[in-house]
Structures are given as C-alpha cells and as structure tokens.
Amino acid sequence: MQTYVAATQHDRSTDGPFSTAQDALLLELKTANPSKPWKDIGAELGKPHWACKNRYKQLTAGSDAQENQQEGRDKRGKGKGNKQEFEPENTE
C-alpha cells in the first residue's frame, strides 16, 4: 500500500528580492527594537523570518565593515595602528 503526502502550498508572493521600501522598514524595525523577534518583523514585511534575518545581515555587513575600518579595527576588534613602538632608552 502506498501512502501519498500532499505537498504544502507555498505562497510565492513572499519570495523574491526585497524592495527599497522593505529594506528601509526592515532596518527601522530592527534598530528601533533590537530584541523584536524575527517572526514579528517577517509578519510586518510579509516575508519569511529567515529571509528578513538574512537580508538584515546583508544590509548591515557593509556598514559594520566600514565602521570597523574607520575606527581602525580588524575583525577581532583589536586596534590597528595602536601599537606603541618600543624605543630602547639610551644608556650611554
């Protein structure tokens, strides 16, 4: 006896790229309330929660790299150029 499992319907209207307006709203929602669940943000945008989280990472990745570069930090947060040069004392 064979058992068939019905495929679930997938709403394709939520697929596809984010619009400029959706990007702006996504950034606004997450920066206004960083602890807001992705599920709630996705519901407001009409997108899956995982897509919102991934898009947020894409949008903020460039700005984080620029901020770190401007502050002279590498990925580990250590300062570049903050090394103090050692000059031995002249004991003559």
N, C-alpha and C. Protein backbone atom coordinates (compact mmCIF):
# COMPACT_ATOMS: atom_id res chain seq x y z
N MET A 1 0.84 -1.17 0.00
CA MET A 1 0.00 0.00 0.00
C MET A 1 0.90 1.24 0.00
N GLN A 2 0.64 2.13 -0.90
CA GLN A 2 1.43 3.36 -0.99
C GLN A 2 0.72 4.49 -0.25
N THR A 3 1.53 5.31 0.41
CA THR A 3 0.99 6.47 1.09
C THR A 3 1.49 7.71 0.38
N TYR A 4 0.61 8.61 0.10
CA TYR A 4 0.97 9.85 -0.56
C TYR A 4 0.86 11.01 0.42
N VAL A 5 1.86 11.85 0.39
CA VAL A 5 1.85 13.03 1.24
C VAL A 5 1.59 14.24 0.34
N ALA A 6 0.59 14.98 0.68
CA ALA A 6 0.26 16.16 -0.11
C ALA A 6 1.31 17.24 0.11
N ALA A 7 1.72 17.84 -0.96
CA ALA A 7 2.68 18.94 -0.87
C ALA A 7 1.96 20.15 -0.28
N THR A 8 2.68 20.86 0.56
CA THR A 8 2.07 22.06 1.14
C THR A 8 2.15 23.20 0.15
N GLN A 9 1.17 24.04 0.20
CA GLN A 9 1.15 25.22 -0.66
C GLN A 9 2.19 26.20 -0.16
N HIS A 10 2.91 26.80 -1.06
CA HIS A 10 3.90 27.81 -0.69
C HIS A 10 3.50 29.11 -1.35
N ASP A 11 3.37 30.14 -0.55
CA ASP A 11 2.99 31.44 -1.06
C ASP A 11 4.20 32.10 -1.70
N ARG A 12 4.25 32.10 -3.02
CA ARG A 12 5.39 32.64 -3.75
C ARG A 12 5.41 34.17 -3.74
N SER A 13 4.34 34.82 -3.26
CA SER A 13 4.33 36.27 -3.23
C SER A 13 5.34 36.83 -2.23
N THR A 14 5.78 35.99 -1.29
CA THR A 14 6.76 36.45 -0.30
C THR A 14 8.19 36.20 -0.77
N ASP A 15 8.33 35.47 -1.86
CA ASP A 15 9.66 35.20 -2.39
C ASP A 15 10.13 36.39 -3.22
N GLY A 16 11.37 36.36 -3.56
CA GLY A 16 11.90 37.41 -4.40
C GLY A 16 12.66 38.44 -3.60
N PRO A 17 13.25 39.36 -4.31
CA PRO A 17 14.10 40.35 -3.64
C PRO A 17 13.30 41.33 -2.80
N PHE A 18 13.98 41.92 -1.85
CA PHE A 18 13.38 42.94 -1.02
C PHE A 18 13.37 44.26 -1.80
N SER A 19 12.31 45.01 -1.66
CA SER A 19 12.26 46.32 -2.30
C SER A 19 13.04 47.32 -1.43
N THR A 20 13.29 48.48 -1.98
CA THR A 20 13.99 49.52 -1.23
C THR A 20 13.18 49.91 0.00
N ALA A 21 11.85 49.98 -0.16
CA ALA A 21 10.98 50.32 0.96
C ALA A 21 11.04 49.24 2.04
N GLN A 22 11.07 47.96 1.63
CA GLN A 22 11.16 46.87 2.59
C GLN A 22 12.50 46.88 3.32
N ASP A 23 13.57 47.19 2.59
CA ASP A 23 14.89 47.31 3.23
C ASP A 23 14.87 48.39 4.30
N ALA A 24 14.31 49.53 3.97
CA ALA A 24 14.25 50.65 4.91
C ALA A 24 13.42 50.29 6.14
N LEU A 25 12.27 49.65 5.91
CA LEU A 25 11.41 49.26 7.03
C LEU A 25 12.08 48.20 7.89
N LEU A 26 12.76 47.26 7.25
CA LEU A 26 13.48 46.22 7.99
C LEU A 26 14.52 46.84 8.91
N LEU A 27 15.31 47.75 8.39
CA LEU A 27 16.33 48.41 9.21
C LEU A 27 15.70 49.22 10.33
N GLU A 28 14.61 49.90 10.01
CA GLU A 28 13.93 50.72 11.02
C GLU A 28 13.36 49.85 12.14
N LEU A 29 12.71 48.75 11.78
CA LEU A 29 12.10 47.87 12.78
C LEU A 29 13.15 47.25 13.70
N LYS A 30 14.25 46.81 13.13
CA LYS A 30 15.25 46.12 13.94
C LYS A 30 16.08 47.09 14.77
N THR A 31 16.37 48.28 14.25
CA THR A 31 17.17 49.23 15.03
C THR A 31 16.32 49.88 16.12
N ALA A 32 15.03 50.06 15.87
CA ALA A 32 14.15 50.64 16.88
C ALA A 32 13.95 49.69 18.05
N ASN A 33 13.94 48.39 17.76
CA ASN A 33 13.71 47.40 18.82
C ASN A 33 14.55 46.16 18.51
N PRO A 34 15.84 46.17 18.91
CA PRO A 34 16.73 45.06 18.58
C PRO A 34 16.28 43.69 19.10
N SER A 35 15.47 43.67 20.14
CA SER A 35 15.04 42.39 20.69
C SER A 35 13.74 41.89 20.06
N LYS A 36 13.20 42.63 19.10
CA LYS A 36 11.97 42.21 18.44
C LYS A 36 12.22 40.92 17.67
N PRO A 37 11.38 39.92 17.84
CA PRO A 37 11.60 38.63 17.17
C PRO A 37 11.51 38.76 15.64
N TRP A 38 12.35 37.98 14.96
CA TRP A 38 12.34 37.98 13.51
C TRP A 38 10.98 37.55 12.96
N LYS A 39 10.30 36.70 13.70
CA LYS A 39 8.97 36.24 13.29
C LYS A 39 8.02 37.42 13.15
N ASP A 40 8.07 38.34 14.12
CA ASP A 40 7.19 39.52 14.09
C ASP A 40 7.58 40.48 12.97
N ILE A 41 8.89 40.65 12.77
CA ILE A 41 9.37 41.52 11.70
C ILE A 41 8.96 40.95 10.34
N GLY A 42 9.11 39.64 10.18
CA GLY A 42 8.70 38.99 8.94
C GLY A 42 7.22 39.16 8.66
N ALA A 43 6.41 39.06 9.72
CA ALA A 43 4.96 39.23 9.55
C ALA A 43 4.63 40.65 9.08
N GLU A 44 5.33 41.65 9.62
CA GLU A 44 5.08 43.03 9.22
C GLU A 44 5.52 43.31 7.78
N LEU A 45 6.58 42.62 7.35
CA LEU A 45 7.08 42.83 5.99
C LEU A 45 6.45 41.90 4.96
N GLY A 46 5.75 40.87 5.43
CA GLY A 46 5.18 39.90 4.51
C GLY A 46 6.23 38.99 3.91
N LYS A 47 7.28 38.74 4.69
CA LYS A 47 8.39 37.88 4.25
C LYS A 47 8.64 36.83 5.32
N PRO A 48 9.27 35.72 4.96
CA PRO A 48 9.64 34.71 5.97
C PRO A 48 10.67 35.29 6.94
N HIS A 49 10.60 34.84 8.19
CA HIS A 49 11.51 35.36 9.21
C HIS A 49 12.97 35.15 8.83
N TRP A 50 13.28 34.00 8.26
CA TRP A 50 14.67 33.70 7.90
C TRP A 50 15.17 34.62 6.79
N ALA A 51 14.27 35.01 5.87
CA ALA A 51 14.66 35.92 4.80
C ALA A 51 14.96 37.31 5.35
N CYS A 52 14.18 37.73 6.33
CA CYS A 52 14.41 39.04 6.96
C CYS A 52 15.74 39.06 7.70
N LYS A 53 16.01 37.99 8.43
CA LYS A 53 17.27 37.91 9.17
C LYS A 53 18.47 37.93 8.22
N ASN A 54 18.39 37.14 7.15
CA ASN A 54 19.48 37.11 6.18
C ASN A 54 19.66 38.46 5.50
N ARG A 55 18.55 39.10 5.14
CA ARG A 55 18.64 40.39 4.47
C ARG A 55 19.22 41.45 5.40
N TYR A 56 18.83 41.40 6.67
CA TYR A 56 19.37 42.36 7.65
C TYR A 56 20.89 42.20 7.76
N LYS A 57 21.35 40.97 7.79
CA LYS A 57 22.79 40.72 7.85
C LYS A 57 23.49 41.28 6.61
N GLN A 58 22.86 41.12 5.44
CA GLN A 58 23.45 41.65 4.21
C GLN A 58 23.52 43.18 4.26
N LEU A 59 22.44 43.79 4.73
CA LEU A 59 22.38 45.25 4.75
C LEU A 59 23.37 45.85 5.74
N THR A 60 23.56 45.18 6.86
CA THR A 60 24.42 45.75 7.90
C THR A 60 25.87 45.29 7.78
N ALA A 61 26.14 44.28 6.99
CA ALA A 61 27.51 43.79 6.85
C ALA A 61 28.42 44.86 6.28
N GLY A 62 27.99 45.55 5.27
CA GLY A 62 28.80 46.60 4.66
C GLY A 62 29.05 47.75 5.61
N SER A 63 28.04 48.15 6.36
CA SER A 63 28.21 49.29 7.28
C SER A 63 29.09 48.91 8.46
N ASP A 64 29.01 47.67 8.92
CA ASP A 64 29.87 47.23 10.02
C ASP A 64 31.33 47.22 9.59
N ALA A 65 31.60 46.76 8.38
CA ALA A 65 32.97 46.72 7.88
C ALA A 65 33.52 48.14 7.73
N GLN A 66 32.68 49.05 7.24
CA GLN A 66 33.12 50.43 7.08
C GLN A 66 33.40 51.07 8.43
N GLU A 67 32.52 50.84 9.41
CA GLU A 67 32.72 51.41 10.75
C GLU A 67 34.00 50.87 11.37
N ASN A 68 34.22 49.57 11.24
CA ASN A 68 35.42 48.97 11.81
C ASN A 68 36.67 49.52 11.13
N GLN A 69 36.59 49.72 9.82
CA GLN A 69 37.74 50.25 9.11
C GLN A 69 38.01 51.69 9.54
N GLN A 70 36.96 52.47 9.70
CA GLN A 70 37.12 53.86 10.11
C GLN A 70 37.68 53.95 11.53
N GLU A 71 37.32 53.01 12.36
CA GLU A 71 37.81 53.00 13.73
C GLU A 71 39.17 52.32 13.83
N GLY A 72 39.66 51.78 12.72
CA GLY A 72 40.95 51.11 12.72
C GLY A 72 40.92 49.77 13.41
N ARG A 73 39.83 49.06 13.29
CA ARG A 73 39.71 47.76 13.94
C ARG A 73 39.68 46.66 12.90
N ASP A 74 40.27 45.54 13.27
CA ASP A 74 40.12 44.38 12.42
C ASP A 74 38.96 43.56 12.94
N LYS A 75 38.72 42.36 12.41
CA LYS A 75 37.56 41.56 12.78
C LYS A 75 37.56 41.17 14.26
N ARG A 76 38.71 41.09 14.86
CA ARG A 76 38.76 40.69 16.27
C ARG A 76 38.56 41.88 17.19
N GLY A 77 38.41 43.06 16.64
CA GLY A 77 38.17 44.24 17.45
C GLY A 77 39.43 44.87 17.99
N LYS A 78 40.57 44.35 17.60
CA LYS A 78 41.82 44.92 18.07
C LYS A 78 42.17 46.09 17.18
N GLY A 79 42.70 47.12 17.77
CA GLY A 79 43.02 48.32 17.02
C GLY A 79 44.23 48.15 16.14
N LYS A 80 44.14 48.67 14.95
CA LYS A 80 45.30 48.72 14.06
C LYS A 80 45.96 50.06 14.29
N GLY A 81 47.23 50.09 14.27
CA GLY A 81 47.93 51.34 14.44
C GLY A 81 48.01 51.81 15.88
N ASN A 82 47.52 51.00 16.81
CA ASN A 82 47.59 51.37 18.21
C ASN A 82 48.83 50.79 18.89
N LYS A 83 49.67 50.18 18.09
CA LYS A 83 50.87 49.58 18.67
C LYS A 83 51.83 50.70 19.06
N GLN A 84 52.36 50.60 20.22
CA GLN A 84 53.35 51.58 20.66
C GLN A 84 54.72 51.06 20.26
N GLU A 85 55.45 51.91 19.60
CA GLU A 85 56.78 51.49 19.19
C GLU A 85 57.70 51.54 20.39
N PHE A 86 58.51 50.52 20.50
CA PHE A 86 59.44 50.44 21.62
C PHE A 86 60.76 51.05 21.20
N GLU A 87 61.16 52.01 21.92
CA GLU A 87 62.46 52.62 21.68
C GLU A 87 63.29 52.42 22.93
N PRO A 88 64.39 51.67 22.78
CA PRO A 88 65.22 51.44 23.98
C PRO A 88 65.81 52.76 24.47
N GLU A 89 65.91 52.83 25.78
CA GLU A 89 66.46 54.03 26.36
C GLU A 89 67.97 54.11 26.07
N ASN A 90 68.41 55.29 25.85
CA ASN A 90 69.83 55.49 25.59
C ASN A 90 70.55 55.48 26.94
N THR A 91 71.35 54.45 27.17
CA THR A 91 72.02 54.30 28.47
C THR A 91 73.47 54.77 28.46
N GLU A 92 73.86 55.47 27.44
CA GLU A 92 75.24 55.93 27.36
C GLU A 92 75.51 57.09 28.25
